[in-house]
Amino acid sequence: MVPRVSCRSLRLRLSAGLAFIALFILIDEITKEGYTFDPVDLINPQITHEKLFVVFLALALALGWRRKK
């Protein structure tokens, strides 16, 4: 039988996973290109490390946002 995980716990785990993916994309950018973040690459029509970093970081923050009851 599969243990039940609360929606909040799953959301926070997914948020942490996406934040780690964003971190690894940033590390990959440093090792491949030699710099951390170039804002000019955000307006480049091709998919770049910067765009992936922003998307994964935004998703992680949106999922990790806690609403107070």
Protein backbone atom coordinates (compact mmCIF):
# COMPACT_ATOMS: atom_id res chain seq x y z
CA MET A 1 0.00 0.00 0.00
CA VAL A 2 1.31 3.44 -0.95
CA PRO A 3 1.53 5.91 1.94
CA ARG A 4 -0.57 9.03 1.51
CA VAL A 5 1.29 12.32 1.22
CA SER A 6 -0.46 15.56 1.95
CA CYS A 7 -0.87 18.06 -0.84
CA ARG A 8 1.16 20.66 1.05
CA SER A 9 4.05 18.25 1.58
CA LEU A 10 4.02 17.19 -2.06
CA ARG A 11 3.93 20.81 -3.20
CA LEU A 12 6.88 21.74 -0.99
CA ARG A 13 8.90 18.72 -2.15
CA LEU A 14 8.20 19.62 -5.77
CA SER A 15 9.19 23.21 -5.04
CA ALA A 16 12.49 22.10 -3.49
CA GLY A 17 13.16 19.80 -6.45
CA LEU A 18 12.57 22.60 -8.93
CA ALA A 19 14.85 24.92 -6.93
CA PHE A 20 17.61 22.28 -7.06
CA ILE A 21 17.13 21.92 -10.82
CA ALA A 22 17.47 25.71 -11.14
CA LEU A 23 20.65 25.58 -9.07
CA PHE A 24 22.10 22.81 -11.24
CA ILE A 25 21.25 24.80 -14.39
CA LEU A 26 23.16 27.75 -12.93
CA ILE A 27 26.14 25.51 -12.09
CA ASP A 28 26.04 24.08 -15.63
CA GLU A 29 26.02 27.63 -17.00
CA ILE A 30 29.12 28.48 -14.97
CA THR A 31 31.01 25.40 -16.13
CA LYS A 32 30.04 25.62 -19.82
CA GLU A 33 30.01 29.37 -20.43
CA GLY A 34 32.19 30.74 -17.66
CA TYR A 35 29.67 33.23 -16.29
CA THR A 36 26.62 32.93 -14.06
CA PHE A 37 23.82 34.94 -15.66
CA ASP A 38 23.63 37.13 -18.74
CA PRO A 39 20.34 39.09 -18.92
CA VAL A 40 20.83 39.65 -22.66
CA ASP A 41 20.24 35.93 -23.22
CA LEU A 42 16.69 36.33 -21.90
CA ILE A 43 15.67 38.16 -25.10
CA ASN A 44 17.43 35.65 -27.35
CA PRO A 45 14.79 33.67 -29.30
CA GLN A 46 16.59 30.36 -28.66
CA ILE A 47 16.26 28.35 -25.46
CA THR A 48 19.12 29.35 -23.16
CA HIS A 49 20.32 28.41 -19.69
CA GLU A 50 19.08 31.77 -18.42
CA LYS A 51 15.52 31.14 -19.60
CA LEU A 52 15.47 27.66 -18.07
CA PHE A 53 16.85 29.05 -14.80
CA VAL A 54 14.18 31.75 -14.62
CA VAL A 55 11.36 29.30 -15.44
CA PHE A 56 12.42 26.69 -12.87
CA LEU A 57 13.08 29.31 -10.20
CA ALA A 58 9.70 30.97 -10.81
CA LEU A 59 7.93 27.59 -10.61
CA ALA A 60 9.78 26.72 -7.40
CA LEU A 61 8.83 30.02 -5.81
CA ALA A 62 5.21 29.78 -6.95
CA LEU A 63 4.81 26.25 -5.59
CA GLY A 64 6.65 27.07 -2.37
CA TRP A 65 4.52 30.09 -1.62
CA ARG A 66 2.49 29.41 1.52
CA ARG A 67 -0.87 30.98 2.07
CA LYS A 68 -1.74 31.89 5.62
CA LYS A 69 -5.12 30.73 6.80
